[in-house]
N, C-alpha and C. Protein backbone atom coordinates (compact mmCIF):
# COMPACT_ATOMS: atom_id res chain seq x y z
N UNK A 1 0.67 -1.10 0.32
CA UNK A 1 0.24 -0.18 -0.39
C UNK A 1 0.92 1.07 -0.17
N UNK A 2 1.77 1.48 0.61
CA UNK A 2 3.11 1.90 0.86
C UNK A 2 3.42 3.11 -0.44
N UNK A 3 4.12 1.82 -1.15
CA UNK A 3 4.72 2.15 -2.28
C UNK A 3 3.90 2.26 -3.81
N UNK A 4 2.23 2.14 -3.45
CA UNK A 4 1.19 2.66 -4.16
C UNK A 4 1.01 4.04 -3.81
N UNK A 5 1.10 4.69 -2.99
CA UNK A 5 0.18 5.76 -2.26
C UNK A 5 1.80 6.51 -2.47
N UNK A 6 2.71 6.13 -2.48
CA UNK A 6 4.17 7.02 -3.04
C UNK A 6 4.34 7.42 -4.77
N UNK A 7 3.84 6.12 -5.31
CA UNK A 7 3.71 6.22 -7.02
C UNK A 7 2.64 7.02 -7.32
N UNK A 8 1.17 7.01 -6.84
CA UNK A 8 0.27 8.34 -7.24
C UNK A 8 1.02 9.68 -6.58
N UNK A 9 1.43 9.40 -5.63
CA UNK A 9 1.30 11.15 -5.39
C UNK A 9 3.07 12.07 -6.06
N UNK A 10 3.80 10.49 -6.32
CA UNK A 10 4.95 10.69 -7.49
C UNK A 10 4.38 11.14 -9.04
N UNK A 11 2.97 10.58 -9.05
CA UNK A 11 2.92 10.52 -10.81
C UNK A 11 1.86 11.62 -10.62
N UNK A 12 1.47 12.23 -9.89
CA UNK A 12 -0.12 13.33 -10.13
C UNK A 12 0.18 14.63 -8.61
N UNK A 13 0.97 14.01 -8.82
CA UNK A 13 2.01 15.87 -7.20
C UNK A 13 0.32 15.93 -6.41
N UNK A 14 0.15 14.50 -5.93
CA UNK A 14 -1.17 15.11 -4.78
C UNK A 14 -2.15 13.58 -4.64
N UNK A 15 -2.25 12.98 -3.03
CA UNK A 15 -2.64 12.30 -3.22
C UNK A 15 -2.94 12.16 -1.03
N UNK A 16 -4.02 11.23 -0.99
CA UNK A 16 -4.36 10.73 0.46
C UNK A 16 -4.14 9.69 0.93
N UNK A 17 -2.79 9.92 2.10
CA UNK A 17 -2.20 9.16 2.97
C UNK A 17 -2.91 8.87 3.82
N UNK A 18 -3.67 9.40 4.21
CA UNK A 18 -4.54 8.08 5.46
C UNK A 18 -4.93 9.00 6.29
N UNK A 19 -6.53 8.75 6.92
CA UNK A 19 -7.41 9.80 7.48
C UNK A 19 -7.46 9.33 9.49
N UNK A 20 -7.22 9.98 10.22
CA UNK A 20 -6.70 10.15 10.73
C UNK A 20 -7.73 11.47 12.08
N UNK A 21 -7.55 10.96 13.36
CA UNK A 21 -8.27 12.04 14.46
C UNK A 21 -6.93 13.21 14.32
N UNK A 22 -7.78 14.04 14.75
CA UNK A 22 -7.24 15.94 14.16
C UNK A 22 -5.05 15.56 14.91
N UNK A 23 -5.92 14.98 15.91
CA UNK A 23 -4.28 15.19 16.75
C UNK A 23 -3.28 14.65 16.34
N UNK A 24 -3.55 12.84 15.82
CA UNK A 24 -2.67 11.82 14.94
C UNK A 24 -2.10 12.55 13.49
N UNK A 25 -3.19 13.24 13.23
CA UNK A 25 -3.42 14.05 12.16
C UNK A 25 -1.92 14.87 12.41
N UNK A 26 -2.28 15.85 13.27
CA UNK A 26 -1.42 16.97 12.81
C UNK A 26 -0.62 16.62 13.32
N UNK A 27 0.46 15.40 14.42
CA UNK A 27 1.64 15.14 14.82
C UNK A 27 2.29 14.39 13.30
N UNK A 28 1.41 13.68 13.22
CA UNK A 28 2.11 13.36 11.78
C UNK A 28 2.94 13.99 10.24
N UNK A 29 1.41 15.02 10.04
CA UNK A 29 2.07 16.58 9.20
C UNK A 29 3.35 16.79 10.24
N UNK A 30 3.92 16.98 11.16
CA UNK A 30 5.32 17.47 11.96
C UNK A 30 6.14 16.84 11.51
N UNK A 31 5.64 15.65 12.03
CA UNK A 31 6.50 13.90 11.47
C UNK A 31 7.20 14.90 10.17
N UNK A 32 6.46 14.52 9.52
CA UNK A 32 7.06 14.32 7.89
C UNK A 32 7.92 15.07 6.73
N UNK A 33 6.74 16.84 7.82
CA UNK A 33 7.40 18.25 7.40
C UNK A 33 8.62 18.36 8.78
N UNK A 34 8.99 18.12 8.84
CA UNK A 34 10.59 17.87 9.84
C UNK A 34 11.65 16.42 9.14
N UNK A 35 11.10 16.28 9.18
CA UNK A 35 12.20 14.68 8.53
C UNK A 35 12.70 15.47 6.59
N UNK A 36 11.21 15.87 6.28
CA UNK A 36 11.05 16.29 4.64
C UNK A 36 12.86 17.28 5.29
N UNK A 37 12.66 18.38 5.65
CA UNK A 37 13.25 19.63 6.18
C UNK A 37 14.79 19.73 6.90
N UNK A 38 14.75 18.15 7.24
CA UNK A 38 15.67 17.91 7.29
C UNK A 38 16.55 16.74 6.51
N UNK A 39 16.47 16.74 5.40
CA UNK A 39 16.94 16.11 4.21
C UNK A 39 17.06 16.76 2.92
N UNK A 40 16.14 17.31 3.11
CA UNK A 40 16.51 18.39 1.80
C UNK A 40 15.20 17.95 0.34
N UNK A 41 14.20 17.11 1.39
CA UNK A 41 13.49 16.93 0.44
C UNK A 41 12.03 17.88 0.11
N UNK A 42 11.76 17.86 -1.15
CA UNK A 42 10.52 18.44 -1.20
C UNK A 42 9.76 18.89 -0.63
N UNK A 43 9.10 17.52 -0.18
CA UNK A 43 8.02 16.50 0.04
C UNK A 43 7.65 18.27 0.80
N UNK A 44 5.48 18.22 0.93
CA UNK A 44 4.77 19.26 1.52
C UNK A 44 4.13 18.19 1.61
N UNK A 45 3.14 18.77 3.11
CA UNK A 45 2.27 17.80 3.69
C UNK A 45 1.05 18.28 4.60
N UNK A 46 -0.31 18.11 4.05
CA UNK A 46 -1.21 18.58 4.44
C UNK A 46 -1.81 17.70 5.65
N UNK A 47 -3.03 18.36 6.32
CA UNK A 47 -4.18 17.95 7.01
C UNK A 47 -5.40 18.80 6.60
N UNK A 48 -6.29 17.91 6.40
CA UNK A 48 -7.77 18.79 4.85
C UNK A 48 -8.52 18.02 6.51
N UNK A 49 -10.03 18.41 6.66
CA UNK A 49 -11.03 17.78 7.26
C UNK A 49 -11.20 17.03 5.79
N UNK A 50 -12.39 16.22 6.30
CA UNK A 50 -12.77 15.74 4.99
C UNK A 50 -14.11 15.45 5.41
């Protein structure tokens, strides 16, 4: 599933990675953005209300 999501985001520029409670989503977004920044990756991560 992770490879499918990664390829979808790579090919389409955007994709849904998961559905979480607000608190969990907030933590995951922060972790992803911190990791991307520290490793100089252009990856962006946002949370949207569904």
